[in-house]
Every structure is written in C-alpha cells, then in structure tokens.
C-alpha cells in the first residue's frame, strides 16, 4: 500500500483512478442503478477532497472511501424510499457476505501496522523476533546462530512481544476476528 506524505491533488487523482470503478460496482450492489452509483462515488470523492485537511493521509483512505460510499448508498435508498426487504437486508449483511475488497483493505492496513511495529523494534530485538516468527527457529537455534545465550533470546522475545502488544492493542479485535475465522 502506498503511503502519502500529504493529501494533495495528485493523491486524489491516484485514488480516483485506482478505486473509482470498483467503488461504482460496490455502490451499484446497493442502489441497483449505475448512474446513481457513479454519482454517489463522485460525491464521496468530492467530500474527501473537501475534508482533506482533517484526514490523516497515513490512514487507509480506500477503506474510508468504501465506508463513505456504503453510508451514502444507504442514505440514498432511505431518501428515495426504494426500500424493499431485499435492499434493507444489505444494511446488515450476513458475515459470509462481507465485501471481499473491504476485507483486503483492512488486512492490508493491519499488515502495514504490524510491519511498522516490527520495524520500530531495536535492531537486535527485531532480528531475534524475525528469526523466531518468520524463520521458525527455536530459541536455542537462534542463540547458536547469533552466538548469544538462550536467556538473551528469551529476554529479547519478551521485549518484542510486549512492544507489539502495546503498539497493536487497538487492532486486537480485528486480529481475534481473523484468527477465529481463519480456522
């Protein structure tokens, strides 16, 4: 996922080119009228631009746009009294019908936060953590490889996990949901 330093016209254009069509398809699922769907998406981009000073460009803006479009679609349905049992059921879809694109965006944002938290670890601590979690080495194997004691590996892993728990606390619910639904 590309990280932008400041929200500018180039960023808006890039977001528009990358997400406009998929957001129109997403909106069309709700309003069942492609012209209205495109208008809703255009309005969401206009709103994003108008609120650009209040938006943190480091956050997941495509997920923000997806949520904005969904809410605007629901408002459109309400305002145009195009309710039916089938359309109303879209407001609270069953868990197995969740939007795949939005799931991927959430997953990408979560991965970005995890990677950032890992990269913030001190160098030796990060190296030990990655050897254990990514290379699946046991503490003794790490100690042998780095010529350090197993106790040092234990201490560094403890520090790494404490740091990650602290940095990723706000994502605990999402992580638990992913773990539960992965099984």
Protein backbone atom coordinates (compact mmCIF):
# COMPACT_ATOMS: atom_id res chain seq x y z
CA UNK A 1 0.00 0.00 0.00
CA UNK A 2 1.44 3.36 -0.99
CA UNK A 3 1.92 5.83 1.87
CA UNK A 4 1.43 9.51 1.05
CA UNK A 5 3.07 12.33 2.97
CA UNK A 6 0.37 14.94 2.36
CA UNK A 7 -3.06 14.84 0.81
CA UNK A 8 -2.87 16.72 -2.50
CA UNK A 9 -4.44 16.73 -5.96
CA UNK A 10 -2.02 14.06 -7.18
CA UNK A 11 -3.07 11.75 -4.36
CA UNK A 12 -6.77 12.37 -5.06
CA UNK A 13 -6.24 11.65 -8.75
CA UNK A 14 -4.34 8.46 -7.97
CA UNK A 15 -7.06 7.29 -5.57
CA UNK A 16 -9.74 8.17 -8.14
CA UNK A 17 -8.03 6.25 -10.96
CA UNK A 18 -7.37 3.24 -8.76
CA UNK A 19 -10.71 2.94 -6.94
CA UNK A 20 -13.47 4.73 -8.88
CA UNK A 21 -14.65 1.78 -10.98
CA UNK A 22 -14.61 -0.76 -8.12
CA UNK A 23 -16.41 1.71 -5.83
CA UNK A 24 -19.07 2.25 -8.53
CA UNK A 25 -19.60 -1.51 -8.75
CA UNK A 26 -19.78 -1.67 -4.95
CA UNK A 27 -22.36 1.18 -4.86
CA UNK A 28 -24.33 -0.47 -7.67
CA UNK A 29 -24.82 -3.53 -5.45
CA UNK A 30 -26.80 -1.28 -3.11
CA UNK A 31 -28.69 1.17 -5.31
CA UNK A 32 -29.18 -1.05 -8.39
CA UNK A 33 -28.76 1.96 -10.68
CA UNK A 34 -25.35 2.51 -12.23
CA UNK A 35 -25.83 6.24 -12.83
CA UNK A 36 -26.82 6.82 -9.20
CA UNK A 37 -23.96 4.62 -8.06
CA UNK A 38 -21.44 6.71 -10.02
CA UNK A 39 -22.92 9.94 -8.64
CA UNK A 40 -22.62 8.60 -5.11
CA UNK A 41 -18.97 7.67 -5.67
CA UNK A 42 -18.22 11.07 -7.24
CA UNK A 43 -19.83 12.77 -4.26
CA UNK A 44 -17.69 10.65 -1.92
CA UNK A 45 -14.54 11.83 -3.71
CA UNK A 46 -15.71 15.46 -3.57
CA UNK A 47 -16.40 15.06 0.14
CA UNK A 48 -12.95 13.50 0.63
CA UNK A 49 -11.35 16.47 -1.11
CA UNK A 50 -13.37 18.96 0.94
CA UNK A 51 -12.32 17.22 4.16
CA UNK A 52 -8.70 16.69 3.12
CA UNK A 53 -7.29 18.91 5.87
CA UNK A 54 -8.95 16.75 8.53
CA UNK A 55 -7.90 13.41 7.02
CA UNK A 56 -4.71 11.69 8.09
CA UNK A 57 -3.04 10.61 4.82
CA UNK A 58 -1.26 7.85 6.74
CA UNK A 59 -4.59 6.10 7.33
CA UNK A 60 -6.27 3.70 4.94
CA UNK A 61 -8.09 6.17 2.70
CA UNK A 62 -9.53 3.49 0.34
CA UNK A 63 -11.24 1.88 3.35
CA UNK A 64 -12.54 5.32 4.37
CA UNK A 65 -13.91 5.80 0.84
CA UNK A 66 -15.55 2.37 0.88
CA UNK A 67 -17.31 3.15 4.16
CA UNK A 68 -18.34 6.60 2.89
CA UNK A 69 -19.81 5.10 -0.30
CA UNK A 70 -21.69 2.42 1.66
CA UNK A 71 -23.20 5.00 4.01
CA UNK A 72 -24.16 7.27 1.12
CA UNK A 73 -25.82 4.34 -0.65
CA UNK A 74 -27.89 3.56 2.43
CA UNK A 75 -28.84 7.24 2.70
CA UNK A 76 -29.76 7.26 -0.97
CA UNK A 77 -32.03 4.23 -0.51
CA UNK A 78 -33.65 5.83 2.53
CA UNK A 79 -34.12 9.22 0.87
CA UNK A 80 -35.53 7.78 -2.33
CA UNK A 81 -37.78 5.33 -0.49
CA UNK A 82 -36.55 2.46 -2.61
CA UNK A 83 -36.73 0.11 0.31
CA UNK A 84 -37.59 -3.49 -0.04
CA UNK A 85 -36.85 -6.40 2.24
CA UNK A 86 -34.04 -7.43 -0.09
CA UNK A 87 -32.44 -3.98 -0.14
CA UNK A 88 -32.87 -3.48 3.60
CA UNK A 89 -31.05 -6.74 4.20
CA UNK A 90 -27.98 -5.15 2.58
CA UNK A 91 -27.67 -2.80 5.55
CA UNK A 92 -26.74 -5.73 7.80
CA UNK A 93 -25.40 -8.43 5.52
CA UNK A 94 -24.55 -11.83 6.98
CA UNK A 95 -20.91 -12.34 7.92
CA UNK A 96 -20.29 -14.66 4.97
CA UNK A 97 -21.36 -11.94 2.52
CA UNK A 98 -18.82 -9.34 3.65
CA UNK A 99 -17.27 -7.28 0.90
CA UNK A 100 -14.07 -9.03 -0.16
CA UNK A 101 -12.44 -5.77 -1.26
CA UNK A 102 -13.03 -4.13 2.11
CA UNK A 103 -11.62 -7.23 3.86
CA UNK A 104 -8.48 -6.99 1.74
CA UNK A 105 -8.15 -3.28 2.57
CA UNK A 106 -8.47 -3.96 6.29
CA UNK A 107 -5.97 -6.79 6.02
CA UNK A 108 -3.53 -4.56 4.11
CA UNK A 109 -3.86 -1.81 6.71
CA UNK A 110 -3.34 -4.28 9.54
CA UNK A 111 -0.25 -5.70 7.83
CA UNK A 112 1.09 -2.16 7.41
CA UNK A 113 0.68 -1.50 11.14
CA UNK A 114 2.27 -4.83 12.08
CA UNK A 115 5.23 -4.20 9.75
CA UNK A 116 5.66 -0.69 11.19
CA UNK A 117 5.56 -2.02 14.76
CA UNK A 118 8.16 -4.68 13.91
CA UNK A 119 10.40 -2.15 12.16
CA UNK A 120 10.29 0.05 15.29
CA UNK A 121 11.92 -2.70 17.35
CA UNK A 122 15.60 -2.24 18.19
CA UNK A 123 17.77 -3.95 15.57
CA UNK A 124 18.89 -6.99 17.61
CA UNK A 125 15.42 -7.45 19.11
CA UNK A 126 13.85 -7.30 15.62
CA UNK A 127 16.38 -9.79 14.26
CA UNK A 128 15.62 -12.28 17.05
CA UNK A 129 11.87 -11.80 16.66
CA UNK A 130 12.00 -12.37 12.89
CA UNK A 131 14.21 -15.45 13.24
CA UNK A 132 11.64 -16.93 15.60
CA UNK A 133 8.39 -15.85 13.95
CA UNK A 134 9.31 -15.78 10.26
CA UNK A 135 12.11 -18.34 10.05
CA UNK A 136 10.51 -20.55 12.74
CA UNK A 137 13.78 -21.06 14.61
CA UNK A 138 13.67 -22.25 18.20
CA UNK A 139 15.27 -20.15 20.92
CA UNK A 140 18.29 -22.47 21.12
CA UNK A 141 18.78 -22.31 17.34
CA UNK A 142 18.65 -18.50 17.44
CA UNK A 143 21.13 -18.43 20.33
CA UNK A 144 23.51 -20.71 18.43
CA UNK A 145 23.17 -18.75 15.20
CA UNK A 146 23.76 -15.34 16.86
CA UNK A 147 26.30 -16.60 19.43
CA UNK A 148 24.23 -15.38 22.37
CA UNK A 149 22.62 -17.09 25.34
CA UNK A 150 19.14 -18.60 25.26
CA UNK A 151 18.30 -16.27 28.18
CA UNK A 152 19.12 -13.26 25.95
CA UNK A 153 16.84 -14.65 23.24
CA UNK A 154 14.04 -15.09 25.81
CA UNK A 155 14.50 -11.53 27.10
CA UNK A 156 14.53 -10.02 23.60
CA UNK A 157 11.45 -12.01 22.54
CA UNK A 158 9.64 -10.88 25.67
CA UNK A 159 10.51 -7.24 24.89
CA UNK A 160 9.44 -7.65 21.25
CA UNK A 161 6.09 -9.18 22.16
CA UNK A 162 5.44 -6.55 24.82
CA UNK A 163 6.20 -3.80 22.29
CA UNK A 164 3.92 -5.37 19.66
CA UNK A 165 1.08 -5.87 22.17
CA UNK A 166 1.34 -2.21 23.13
CA UNK A 167 1.57 -0.89 19.55
CA UNK A 168 -1.16 -3.14 18.16
CA UNK A 169 -3.64 -3.03 21.07
CA UNK A 170 -6.22 -1.11 19.03
CA UNK A 171 -6.22 -3.93 16.45
CA UNK A 172 -6.79 -6.75 18.93
CA UNK A 173 -10.44 -7.18 17.94
CA UNK A 174 -9.56 -7.41 14.24
CA UNK A 175 -6.74 -9.86 14.93
CA UNK A 176 -9.02 -12.07 17.01
CA UNK A 177 -11.68 -11.99 14.29
CA UNK A 178 -9.10 -13.01 11.67
CA UNK A 179 -7.77 -15.82 13.86
CA UNK A 180 -11.25 -17.15 14.66
CA UNK A 181 -12.44 -17.02 11.05
CA UNK A 182 -9.23 -18.48 9.64
CA UNK A 183 -9.83 -21.80 11.39
